[in-house]
């Protein structure tokens, strides 16, 4: 997995990419509000090549991404657990 963080205009993005460059999980901070791919339809489509983005990309460790993920889901923990139960990996 590859984990990246970047800003575009006034938004901040954190994205987990699989080995082919497809987004697995994504967090967007826009106008002080978190948009989380586990709760909304905000997952980037297509292959992402970090070097091709027209902005400075910061590579994160899995632990760093996980900290942001857990923090952004804090208020929605109950919804996230229900979503994980309904939508099993690979379904």
N, C-alpha and C. Protein backbone atom coordinates (compact mmCIF):
# COMPACT_ATOMS: atom_id res chain seq x y z
N UNK A 1 0.85 -1.18 0.00
CA UNK A 1 0.00 0.00 0.00
C UNK A 1 0.89 1.24 0.00
N UNK A 2 0.35 2.28 -0.61
CA UNK A 2 1.00 3.59 -0.62
C UNK A 2 0.02 4.57 0.00
N UNK A 3 0.54 5.46 0.82
CA UNK A 3 -0.30 6.44 1.51
C UNK A 3 0.22 7.82 1.16
N UNK A 4 -0.70 8.68 0.67
CA UNK A 4 -0.29 10.02 0.27
C UNK A 4 -1.19 11.07 0.90
N UNK A 5 -0.63 12.26 0.99
CA UNK A 5 -1.33 13.43 1.50
C UNK A 5 -0.96 14.60 0.61
N UNK A 6 -1.96 15.39 0.22
CA UNK A 6 -1.69 16.57 -0.59
C UNK A 6 -2.84 17.56 -0.43
N UNK A 7 -2.58 18.79 -0.85
CA UNK A 7 -3.59 19.84 -0.84
C UNK A 7 -3.88 20.25 -2.26
N UNK A 8 -5.14 20.60 -2.50
CA UNK A 8 -5.57 21.12 -3.80
C UNK A 8 -6.58 22.20 -3.52
N UNK A 9 -6.27 23.40 -3.96
CA UNK A 9 -7.07 24.57 -3.65
C UNK A 9 -7.20 24.67 -2.14
N UNK A 10 -8.41 24.62 -1.59
CA UNK A 10 -8.58 24.76 -0.13
C UNK A 10 -8.83 23.42 0.56
N UNK A 11 -8.69 22.34 -0.18
CA UNK A 11 -8.97 21.02 0.38
C UNK A 11 -7.69 20.25 0.64
N UNK A 12 -7.75 19.35 1.64
CA UNK A 12 -6.63 18.45 1.95
C UNK A 12 -7.10 17.02 1.72
N UNK A 13 -6.23 16.20 1.16
CA UNK A 13 -6.55 14.82 0.82
C UNK A 13 -5.56 13.87 1.48
N UNK A 14 -6.08 12.75 1.95
CA UNK A 14 -5.29 11.61 2.41
C UNK A 14 -5.85 10.41 1.66
N UNK A 15 -4.99 9.69 0.95
CA UNK A 15 -5.47 8.57 0.15
C UNK A 15 -4.58 7.35 0.36
N UNK A 16 -5.24 6.20 0.54
CA UNK A 16 -4.56 4.91 0.59
C UNK A 16 -4.69 4.30 -0.80
N UNK A 17 -3.56 3.95 -1.42
CA UNK A 17 -3.54 3.37 -2.76
C UNK A 17 -3.07 1.93 -2.70
N UNK A 18 -3.70 1.08 -3.53
CA UNK A 18 -3.21 -0.29 -3.62
C UNK A 18 -2.01 -0.33 -4.56
N UNK A 19 -1.48 -1.52 -4.82
CA UNK A 19 -0.26 -1.64 -5.62
C UNK A 19 -0.42 -1.19 -7.06
N UNK A 20 -1.66 -1.13 -7.55
CA UNK A 20 -1.88 -0.66 -8.93
C UNK A 20 -2.22 0.82 -9.00
N UNK A 21 -2.31 1.49 -7.84
CA UNK A 21 -2.60 2.93 -7.82
C UNK A 21 -4.06 3.29 -7.67
N UNK A 22 -4.90 2.30 -7.36
CA UNK A 22 -6.32 2.57 -7.13
C UNK A 22 -6.56 2.94 -5.67
N UNK A 23 -7.43 3.91 -5.46
CA UNK A 23 -7.75 4.36 -4.10
C UNK A 23 -8.56 3.30 -3.38
N UNK A 24 -8.13 2.98 -2.17
CA UNK A 24 -8.82 2.03 -1.31
C UNK A 24 -9.64 2.78 -0.26
N UNK A 25 -9.01 3.77 0.36
CA UNK A 25 -9.67 4.63 1.35
C UNK A 25 -9.24 6.06 1.08
N UNK A 26 -10.13 7.00 1.40
CA UNK A 26 -9.81 8.40 1.15
C UNK A 26 -10.50 9.29 2.19
N UNK A 27 -9.79 10.33 2.57
CA UNK A 27 -10.31 11.34 3.48
C UNK A 27 -10.10 12.68 2.80
N UNK A 28 -11.13 13.52 2.82
CA UNK A 28 -11.02 14.87 2.28
C UNK A 28 -11.43 15.83 3.40
N UNK A 29 -10.60 16.82 3.66
CA UNK A 29 -10.94 17.87 4.61
C UNK A 29 -11.27 19.11 3.79
N UNK A 30 -12.54 19.50 3.79
CA UNK A 30 -13.01 20.62 2.99
C UNK A 30 -13.83 21.55 3.86
N UNK A 31 -13.41 22.79 3.94
CA UNK A 31 -14.11 23.80 4.74
C UNK A 31 -14.38 23.33 6.16
N UNK A 32 -13.38 22.69 6.76
CA UNK A 32 -13.47 22.26 8.15
C UNK A 32 -14.28 21.00 8.37
N UNK A 33 -14.74 20.36 7.29
CA UNK A 33 -15.57 19.16 7.41
C UNK A 33 -14.86 17.98 6.75
N UNK A 34 -14.84 16.84 7.44
CA UNK A 34 -14.23 15.63 6.89
C UNK A 34 -15.24 14.88 6.03
N UNK A 35 -14.79 14.45 4.87
CA UNK A 35 -15.56 13.57 3.99
C UNK A 35 -14.75 12.28 3.89
N UNK A 36 -15.37 11.18 4.29
CA UNK A 36 -14.66 9.93 4.45
C UNK A 36 -15.27 8.89 3.50
N UNK A 37 -14.42 8.23 2.74
CA UNK A 37 -14.92 7.29 1.74
C UNK A 37 -15.73 6.15 2.35
N UNK A 38 -15.54 5.86 3.62
CA UNK A 38 -16.31 4.81 4.28
C UNK A 38 -17.76 5.22 4.51
N UNK A 39 -18.02 6.53 4.50
CA UNK A 39 -19.35 7.04 4.81
C UNK A 39 -20.01 7.76 3.64
N UNK A 40 -19.22 8.20 2.68
CA UNK A 40 -19.74 8.96 1.55
C UNK A 40 -19.14 8.43 0.25
N UNK A 41 -19.73 8.83 -0.85
CA UNK A 41 -19.19 8.47 -2.15
C UNK A 41 -18.16 9.52 -2.56
N UNK A 42 -16.97 9.41 -1.97
CA UNK A 42 -15.92 10.41 -2.26
C UNK A 42 -14.58 9.75 -2.55
N UNK A 43 -14.63 8.53 -3.07
CA UNK A 43 -13.41 7.80 -3.37
C UNK A 43 -12.96 8.12 -4.79
N UNK A 44 -11.70 8.49 -4.93
CA UNK A 44 -11.14 8.81 -6.24
C UNK A 44 -11.29 7.62 -7.18
N UNK A 45 -11.56 7.91 -8.44
CA UNK A 45 -11.71 6.85 -9.44
C UNK A 45 -10.48 6.81 -10.34
N UNK A 46 -10.17 5.64 -10.82
CA UNK A 46 -9.05 5.48 -11.73
C UNK A 46 -7.73 5.36 -11.00
N UNK A 47 -6.69 5.17 -11.79
CA UNK A 47 -5.35 5.01 -11.23
C UNK A 47 -4.77 6.37 -10.89
N UNK A 48 -4.21 6.46 -9.70
CA UNK A 48 -3.57 7.70 -9.25
C UNK A 48 -2.06 7.49 -9.27
N UNK A 49 -1.38 8.36 -9.98
CA UNK A 49 0.08 8.35 -10.02
C UNK A 49 0.52 9.60 -9.26
N UNK A 50 0.98 9.44 -8.02
CA UNK A 50 1.32 10.60 -7.21
C UNK A 50 2.27 11.58 -7.89
N UNK A 51 3.22 11.07 -8.65
CA UNK A 51 4.20 11.93 -9.32
C UNK A 51 3.55 12.80 -10.40
N UNK A 52 2.38 12.41 -10.88
CA UNK A 52 1.69 13.16 -11.93
C UNK A 52 0.74 14.23 -11.39
N UNK A 53 0.53 14.23 -10.08
CA UNK A 53 -0.36 15.24 -9.49
C UNK A 53 0.32 16.61 -9.55
N UNK A 54 -0.45 17.62 -9.81
CA UNK A 54 0.08 18.97 -9.96
C UNK A 54 0.11 19.69 -8.61
N UNK A 55 0.70 19.03 -7.63
CA UNK A 55 0.83 19.59 -6.29
C UNK A 55 1.93 18.83 -5.56
N UNK A 56 2.33 19.32 -4.42
CA UNK A 56 3.33 18.63 -3.61
C UNK A 56 2.66 17.47 -2.88
N UNK A 57 3.19 16.29 -3.07
CA UNK A 57 2.64 15.09 -2.45
C UNK A 57 3.57 14.66 -1.32
N UNK A 58 2.96 14.37 -0.18
CA UNK A 58 3.70 13.87 0.98
C UNK A 58 3.36 12.39 1.11
N UNK A 59 4.38 11.56 1.18
CA UNK A 59 4.18 10.12 1.38
C UNK A 59 4.11 9.87 2.88
N UNK A 60 3.12 9.11 3.29
CA UNK A 60 2.90 8.80 4.70
C UNK A 60 3.16 7.33 4.97
N UNK A 61 3.40 7.03 6.23
CA UNK A 61 3.46 5.62 6.64
C UNK A 61 2.03 5.14 6.84
N UNK A 62 1.85 3.84 6.88
CA UNK A 62 0.54 3.27 7.15
C UNK A 62 0.00 3.73 8.49
N UNK A 63 0.87 3.83 9.48
CA UNK A 63 0.46 4.29 10.81
C UNK A 63 -0.02 5.74 10.78
N UNK A 64 0.68 6.59 10.03
CA UNK A 64 0.27 7.99 9.93
C UNK A 64 -1.11 8.11 9.28
N UNK A 65 -1.33 7.35 8.20
CA UNK A 65 -2.64 7.38 7.55
C UNK A 65 -3.71 6.87 8.51
N UNK A 66 -3.41 5.79 9.21
CA UNK A 66 -4.38 5.18 10.13
C UNK A 66 -4.78 6.16 11.23
N UNK A 67 -3.84 6.96 11.70
CA UNK A 67 -4.16 7.96 12.73
C UNK A 67 -5.16 8.97 12.22
N UNK A 68 -4.97 9.46 10.99
CA UNK A 68 -5.91 10.42 10.40
C UNK A 68 -7.25 9.74 10.17
N UNK A 69 -7.23 8.51 9.67
CA UNK A 69 -8.46 7.75 9.41
C UNK A 69 -9.27 7.59 10.69
N UNK A 70 -8.64 7.11 11.73
CA UNK A 70 -9.33 6.89 13.01
C UNK A 70 -9.84 8.21 13.59
N UNK A 71 -9.06 9.25 13.50
CA UNK A 71 -9.46 10.56 14.02
C UNK A 71 -10.67 11.10 13.27
N UNK A 72 -10.67 10.96 11.94
CA UNK A 72 -11.77 11.49 11.15
C UNK A 72 -13.06 10.69 11.33
N UNK A 73 -12.94 9.42 11.69
CA UNK A 73 -14.11 8.57 11.92
C UNK A 73 -14.65 8.64 13.35
N UNK A 74 -13.94 9.34 14.21
CA UNK A 74 -14.28 9.36 15.63
C UNK A 74 -15.77 9.66 15.88
N UNK A 75 -16.30 10.67 15.21
CA UNK A 75 -17.68 11.06 15.42
C UNK A 75 -18.68 10.10 14.77
N UNK A 76 -18.19 9.26 13.88
CA UNK A 76 -19.06 8.37 13.12
C UNK A 76 -18.77 6.90 13.38
N UNK A 77 -18.20 6.60 14.53
CA UNK A 77 -17.77 5.24 14.84
C UNK A 77 -18.91 4.22 14.71
N UNK A 78 -20.09 4.56 15.23
CA UNK A 78 -21.22 3.63 15.18
C UNK A 78 -21.63 3.35 13.73
N UNK A 79 -21.72 4.40 12.89
CA UNK A 79 -22.07 4.23 11.47
C UNK A 79 -21.03 3.36 10.76
N UNK A 80 -19.75 3.61 11.06
CA UNK A 80 -18.67 2.89 10.41
C UNK A 80 -18.73 1.40 10.75
N UNK A 81 -19.01 1.07 12.00
CA UNK A 81 -19.10 -0.34 12.40
C UNK A 81 -20.26 -1.03 11.67
N UNK A 82 -21.39 -0.33 11.53
CA UNK A 82 -22.53 -0.91 10.81
C UNK A 82 -22.20 -1.11 9.34
N UNK A 83 -21.50 -0.16 8.74
CA UNK A 83 -21.11 -0.26 7.34
C UNK A 83 -20.19 -1.45 7.13
N UNK A 84 -19.22 -1.63 8.03
CA UNK A 84 -18.30 -2.76 7.92
C UNK A 84 -19.03 -4.09 8.04
N UNK A 85 -20.07 -4.14 8.86
CA UNK A 85 -20.83 -5.38 9.00
C UNK A 85 -21.64 -5.68 7.74
N UNK A 86 -22.21 -4.65 7.14
CA UNK A 86 -23.04 -4.82 5.93
C UNK A 86 -22.20 -5.10 4.70
N UNK A 87 -21.06 -4.45 4.58
CA UNK A 87 -20.25 -4.51 3.36
C UNK A 87 -18.92 -5.19 3.66
N UNK A 88 -18.90 -6.46 3.61
CA UNK A 88 -17.67 -7.21 3.89
C UNK A 88 -16.65 -7.00 2.77
N UNK A 89 -15.39 -7.06 3.11
CA UNK A 89 -14.31 -6.91 2.13
C UNK A 89 -14.50 -7.95 1.03
N UNK A 90 -14.40 -7.49 -0.21
CA UNK A 90 -14.52 -8.37 -1.36
C UNK A 90 -15.93 -8.52 -1.89
N UNK A 91 -16.91 -7.92 -1.18
CA UNK A 91 -18.29 -8.04 -1.65
C UNK A 91 -18.63 -6.96 -2.66
